[in-house]
Protein backbone atom coordinates (compact mmCIF):
# COMPACT_ATOMS: atom_id res chain seq x y z
CA GLY A 1 35.90 43.23 -114.46
CA GLY A 2 33.88 40.34 -111.55
CA GLY A 3 32.59 37.56 -111.60
CA GLY A 4 29.73 38.49 -108.50
CA SER A 5 27.88 35.01 -108.67
CA SER A 6 24.97 35.56 -106.23
CA SER A 7 24.11 32.08 -104.61
CA SER A 8 21.49 32.30 -103.20
CA TYR A 9 20.48 29.60 -100.54
CA GLY A 10 17.24 28.53 -99.14
CA ARG A 11 14.00 29.46 -101.01
CA SER A 12 13.36 32.60 -99.55
CA SER A 13 9.62 31.89 -98.49
CA ASN A 14 7.37 34.86 -96.73
CA ARG A 15 6.31 33.24 -94.36
CA HIS A 16 2.46 34.47 -93.71
CA ALA A 17 1.49 33.29 -90.73
CA SER A 18 -1.66 30.74 -91.37
CA GLY A 19 -3.95 28.19 -89.45
CA PRO A 20 -5.17 29.27 -86.39
CA VAL A 21 -3.92 31.50 -84.44
CA PHE A 22 -5.05 29.84 -81.46
CA PRO A 23 -6.21 25.42 -80.51
CA GLY A 24 -10.44 25.86 -82.23
CA GLY A 25 -9.33 29.28 -82.59
CA PRO A 26 -10.08 31.86 -86.07
CA GLU A 27 -7.83 31.97 -88.66
CA PHE A 28 -5.04 34.12 -89.57
CA GLY A 29 -5.79 36.90 -92.23
CA THR A 30 -9.65 36.04 -92.78
CA THR A 31 -12.97 38.44 -92.11
CA TYR A 32 -15.70 37.22 -89.39
CA GLU A 33 -18.71 38.68 -87.84
CA GLY A 34 -19.26 40.80 -84.62
CA ARG A 35 -20.04 43.39 -82.61
CA VAL A 36 -18.52 45.43 -80.92
CA THR A 37 -19.07 44.72 -77.39
CA GLY A 38 -16.44 47.54 -75.64
CA VAL A 39 -14.61 51.33 -76.79
CA MET A 40 -11.84 52.24 -74.91
CA PRO A 41 -9.23 55.44 -76.37
CA PHE A 42 -7.71 53.42 -77.35
CA GLY A 43 -9.37 51.32 -79.57
CA ALA A 44 -12.14 49.02 -78.74
CA PHE A 45 -13.06 44.98 -78.52
CA VAL A 46 -15.19 42.77 -80.45
CA ASP A 47 -16.36 39.80 -79.92
CA TYR A 48 -15.90 37.28 -83.05
CA GLY A 49 -17.26 34.68 -82.36
CA PHE A 50 -14.59 32.64 -80.34
CA GLY A 51 -15.56 33.56 -77.09
CA LYS A 52 -13.26 35.42 -76.72
CA ASP A 53 -12.99 39.15 -77.28
CA GLY A 54 -10.51 40.36 -79.65
CA LEU A 55 -8.62 44.03 -79.88
CA VAL A 56 -9.71 46.70 -83.02
CA ALA A 57 -6.75 49.36 -82.28
CA THR A 58 -7.21 52.41 -83.07
CA ARG A 59 -5.52 52.74 -85.65
CA ASN A 60 -7.00 49.44 -87.46
CA ILE A 61 -10.80 51.25 -86.89
CA GLY A 62 -11.04 53.22 -90.61
CA ASN A 63 -8.94 54.63 -93.49
CA PHE A 64 -9.13 57.86 -91.83
CA TRP A 65 -6.77 59.43 -88.03
CA VAL A 66 -9.39 58.12 -85.38
CA ASP A 67 -8.85 60.49 -82.23
CA ASN A 68 -11.36 58.57 -79.93
CA PRO A 69 -12.85 54.86 -80.96
CA GLN A 70 -15.85 56.43 -79.65
CA ASP A 71 -16.82 59.54 -81.73
CA VAL A 72 -17.47 56.55 -84.02
CA LEU A 73 -17.66 53.53 -82.04
CA GLN A 74 -20.90 52.10 -80.21
CA SER A 75 -20.83 48.63 -78.09
CA GLY A 76 -23.69 46.71 -79.72
CA MET A 77 -22.41 47.56 -83.67
CA GLN A 78 -21.58 45.31 -86.42
CA VAL A 79 -18.65 45.41 -87.30
CA LYS A 80 -16.31 43.08 -90.16
CA VAL A 81 -12.96 42.35 -88.46
CA LEU A 82 -10.30 40.83 -90.03
CA VAL A 83 -7.35 38.58 -88.10
CA GLN A 84 -3.87 39.80 -88.28
CA GLY A 85 -2.49 38.35 -85.80
CA ALA A 86 -2.33 37.42 -82.12
CA GLU A 87 -0.15 38.75 -79.20
CA ASN A 88 0.27 37.45 -75.36
CA GLY A 89 -3.08 35.36 -76.27
CA LYS A 90 -4.97 38.26 -77.52
CA VAL A 91 -5.79 38.28 -80.30
CA ARG A 92 -4.62 41.54 -83.60
CA LEU A 93 -7.89 42.69 -85.11
CA SER A 94 -8.23 45.20 -88.14
CA MET A 95 -11.70 47.14 -89.55
CA LYS A 96 -10.07 48.56 -92.38
CA GLY A 97 -11.71 49.32 -95.43
CA LEU A 98 -14.15 45.95 -94.36
CA ASN A 99 -16.93 49.00 -92.49
CA PRO A 100 -18.35 51.39 -95.44
CA HIS A 101 -21.14 52.46 -92.25
CA ILE A 102 -17.74 53.77 -89.96
CA THR A 103 -17.18 57.00 -91.30
CA PRO A 104 -15.35 60.14 -89.70
CA PRO A 105 -17.11 62.14 -86.82
């Protein structure tokens, strides 16, 4: 036999980032309406109303594989973006599942 009682200290709370990404900025996990301002080989820049464009990485454009973002996106397109987080002052966005009008090339 073995009396292994596992006692866990503290609460295991998954700390989800919440609140604004930067002061007065967008909230983590929130969806915003935006407009594509630039399309690059590595993703697209979207202006979503906070004075800074966020970056949607190629892998986060849609629920399908995108080889070249320029195949599916153009500057000026209206898109919905989800704020995923921030890195070095740059905001990471995702468009997955939010834009039914964006389809594979």
